[in-house]
């Protein structure tokens, strides 16, 4: 069963890398858009999930930045970590009554105490030519071939059955993972 027949729509080959490279290097893109695009393109998150992140989901310890998407924390790759730390320092909502950025939301919205609307964030990415859904599909298929479903679920906040479906769609088979690990020890 091919991905096309399974109803999985992917970006053009190499598109994921081009998008990530652009987000990492194009200083004309706002920090909010760069961070949100990188979290979609590197960690398979969707705008609806991103807007619910708070600064409490992020830990900065020296040069290490971790984020909690699921049960476990994920150490962010250095370029992404730098952008996330910068966003925490500079984030501001559009509300005139929330000029102090006292909000705990990583992506504060237009009303004091509220997060950015997920569709607004998705539209911002679309204006940059980025389809969050297609980019997420590419990332999850890639991750599902490299990481066992149970670990994938804990790291990026998927239900275990959803992670298993992504693994199946990617053609991965982790049934032998426990045996492999046992032989390595």
Protein backbone atom coordinates (compact mmCIF):
# COMPACT_ATOMS: atom_id res chain seq x y z
CA UNK A 1 0.00 0.00 0.00
CA UNK A 2 1.64 3.25 -1.09
CA UNK A 3 1.35 6.46 0.89
CA UNK A 4 -0.64 7.96 -1.96
CA UNK A 5 -3.19 5.17 -1.78
CA UNK A 6 -3.33 5.43 1.99
CA UNK A 7 -4.50 9.04 1.62
CA UNK A 8 -1.28 10.50 3.01
CA UNK A 9 -0.36 13.70 1.21
CA UNK A 10 3.33 14.54 1.31
CA UNK A 11 5.33 17.55 0.25
CA UNK A 12 7.65 17.37 -2.74
CA UNK A 13 10.93 15.55 -2.07
CA UNK A 14 13.38 17.84 -0.27
CA UNK A 15 10.67 20.38 0.55
CA UNK A 16 10.95 19.74 4.29
CA UNK A 17 14.68 20.52 4.26
CA UNK A 18 14.15 23.65 2.14
CA UNK A 19 11.46 24.93 4.51
CA UNK A 20 13.61 24.31 7.59
CA UNK A 21 16.67 25.92 5.96
CA UNK A 22 14.59 28.97 5.05
CA UNK A 23 13.17 29.27 8.58
CA UNK A 24 16.67 29.01 10.05
CA UNK A 25 18.28 31.58 7.77
CA UNK A 26 15.67 34.12 6.61
CA UNK A 27 15.85 37.04 9.06
CA UNK A 28 12.88 38.74 7.36
CA UNK A 29 10.51 36.10 8.80
CA UNK A 30 9.08 36.99 12.21
CA UNK A 31 10.38 35.06 15.20
CA UNK A 32 6.88 33.73 15.95
CA UNK A 33 6.61 32.30 12.44
CA UNK A 34 10.14 30.91 12.49
CA UNK A 35 9.65 29.13 15.82
CA UNK A 36 6.22 27.77 14.97
CA UNK A 37 7.38 26.60 11.54
CA UNK A 38 10.46 24.93 13.03
CA UNK A 39 8.40 23.17 15.69
CA UNK A 40 6.14 21.82 12.94
CA UNK A 41 9.03 20.99 10.59
CA UNK A 42 11.34 19.37 13.12
CA UNK A 43 9.01 17.94 15.76
CA UNK A 44 5.74 17.24 13.95
CA UNK A 45 3.56 19.62 15.93
CA UNK A 46 0.46 21.32 14.56
CA UNK A 47 -0.59 24.94 15.21
CA UNK A 48 -3.48 23.79 17.43
CA UNK A 49 -0.97 22.10 19.72
CA UNK A 50 1.67 24.83 19.53
CA UNK A 51 -0.63 27.62 20.67
CA UNK A 52 -1.36 25.70 23.89
CA UNK A 53 2.33 25.63 24.86
CA UNK A 54 3.29 27.79 27.80
CA UNK A 55 6.67 28.95 28.94
CA UNK A 56 6.30 26.33 31.70
CA UNK A 57 6.62 23.65 28.99
CA UNK A 58 10.12 24.94 28.23
CA UNK A 59 13.22 24.64 30.39
CA UNK A 60 16.40 26.58 29.72
CA UNK A 61 19.45 25.25 31.53
CA UNK A 62 22.57 26.96 30.27
CA UNK A 63 22.75 26.20 26.57
CA UNK A 64 20.27 23.30 26.76
CA UNK A 65 16.65 24.07 25.93
CA UNK A 66 14.05 21.36 26.43
CA UNK A 67 10.37 21.36 25.59
CA UNK A 68 7.54 19.11 26.64
CA UNK A 69 5.18 18.15 23.81
CA UNK A 70 4.11 14.90 25.43
CA UNK A 71 5.02 13.07 28.60
CA UNK A 72 8.80 13.40 28.16
CA UNK A 73 10.97 16.44 27.53
CA UNK A 74 12.77 16.81 24.21
CA UNK A 75 16.12 18.59 23.99
CA UNK A 76 15.84 21.03 21.09
CA UNK A 77 18.53 21.11 18.45
CA UNK A 78 20.81 24.14 18.90
CA UNK A 79 19.48 26.43 16.17
CA UNK A 80 15.88 25.77 17.18
CA UNK A 81 16.76 26.14 20.87
CA UNK A 82 18.24 29.60 20.24
CA UNK A 83 15.05 30.76 18.48
CA UNK A 84 12.77 29.37 21.21
CA UNK A 85 14.82 31.08 23.94
CA UNK A 86 14.70 34.36 21.99
CA UNK A 87 10.92 34.04 21.57
CA UNK A 88 10.45 33.58 25.30
CA UNK A 89 12.39 36.80 25.91
CA UNK A 90 10.60 38.89 23.28
CA UNK A 91 7.07 37.47 23.00
CA UNK A 92 4.23 39.93 23.20
CA UNK A 93 0.52 39.64 22.61
CA UNK A 94 -1.37 42.22 20.57
CA UNK A 95 -3.57 43.22 23.47
CA UNK A 96 -3.04 46.80 24.62
CA UNK A 97 -3.71 45.68 28.19
CA UNK A 98 -0.98 42.98 28.06
CA UNK A 99 2.13 45.03 27.31
CA UNK A 100 4.22 43.29 29.96
CA UNK A 101 4.06 39.83 28.37
CA UNK A 102 2.89 38.52 31.74
CA UNK A 103 0.97 35.83 29.88
CA UNK A 104 2.40 32.33 30.26
CA UNK A 105 1.55 31.42 26.63
CA UNK A 106 4.51 30.85 24.32
CA UNK A 107 2.35 32.31 21.53
CA UNK A 108 0.21 34.99 23.21
CA UNK A 109 -2.89 36.10 21.37
CA UNK A 110 -4.73 39.31 20.73
CA UNK A 111 -6.68 39.24 23.99
CA UNK A 112 -5.04 39.50 27.40
CA UNK A 113 -4.47 36.08 28.92
CA UNK A 114 -5.38 34.16 25.74
CA UNK A 115 -3.17 32.25 23.37
CA UNK A 116 -2.90 32.92 19.66
CA UNK A 117 -5.71 31.37 17.64
CA UNK A 118 -4.48 28.15 15.95
CA UNK A 119 -6.02 29.10 12.61
CA UNK A 120 -4.27 32.47 12.77
CA UNK A 121 -0.95 30.69 13.30
CA UNK A 122 -1.70 28.25 10.45
CA UNK A 123 -2.59 31.19 8.18
CA UNK A 124 0.67 32.93 9.05
CA UNK A 125 2.58 29.82 7.96
CA UNK A 126 0.45 29.51 4.80
CA UNK A 127 1.37 33.09 3.90
CA UNK A 128 4.99 31.90 3.93
CA UNK A 129 4.06 29.05 1.60
CA UNK A 130 4.12 26.44 4.38
CA UNK A 131 1.33 23.91 4.77
CA UNK A 132 1.58 22.80 8.39
CA UNK A 133 -0.38 19.61 7.65
CA UNK A 134 1.87 18.51 4.78
CA UNK A 135 5.03 19.42 6.66
CA UNK A 136 3.84 17.52 9.74
CA UNK A 137 3.09 14.47 7.60
CA UNK A 138 6.64 14.47 6.24
CA UNK A 139 8.11 14.81 9.72
CA UNK A 140 5.96 12.13 11.32
CA UNK A 141 6.66 9.64 8.54
CA UNK A 142 10.38 10.29 8.94
CA UNK A 143 10.28 10.04 12.74
CA UNK A 144 8.11 6.91 12.63
CA UNK A 145 10.78 5.08 10.66
CA UNK A 146 13.50 6.03 13.18
CA UNK A 147 11.74 5.83 16.56
CA UNK A 148 9.60 3.06 18.08
CA UNK A 149 5.92 4.06 18.39
CA UNK A 150 5.84 4.05 22.21
CA UNK A 151 8.81 6.40 22.43
CA UNK A 152 7.50 8.59 19.61
CA UNK A 153 4.17 8.91 21.42
CA UNK A 154 5.84 10.02 24.66
CA UNK A 155 8.20 12.49 22.97
CA UNK A 156 5.87 14.40 20.70
CA UNK A 157 2.54 13.88 22.43
CA UNK A 158 0.77 11.32 20.24
CA UNK A 159 -1.59 8.65 21.47
CA UNK A 160 0.20 5.28 21.29
CA UNK A 161 -2.26 3.95 18.70
CA UNK A 162 -1.73 7.05 16.57
CA UNK A 163 2.05 6.62 16.77
CA UNK A 164 1.63 2.96 15.74
CA UNK A 165 -0.47 4.03 12.73
CA UNK A 166 2.24 6.48 11.65
CA UNK A 167 4.82 3.72 11.98
CA UNK A 168 2.67 1.42 9.86
CA UNK A 169 2.13 4.15 7.24
CA UNK A 170 5.88 4.73 7.10
CA UNK A 171 6.47 1.04 6.53
CA UNK A 172 8.22 0.63 9.86
CA UNK A 173 8.10 -2.52 11.93
CA UNK A 174 9.23 -2.17 15.51
CA UNK A 175 7.96 -5.56 16.63
CA UNK A 176 11.58 -6.73 16.92
CA UNK A 177 12.75 -3.64 18.86
CA UNK A 178 12.74 -5.30 22.31
CA UNK A 179 14.79 -8.24 21.00
CA UNK A 180 17.30 -5.85 19.42
CA UNK A 181 17.67 -3.91 22.66
CA UNK A 182 18.10 -7.11 24.66
CA UNK A 183 20.93 -8.25 22.37
CA UNK A 184 22.70 -4.87 22.70
CA UNK A 185 22.95 -5.10 26.49
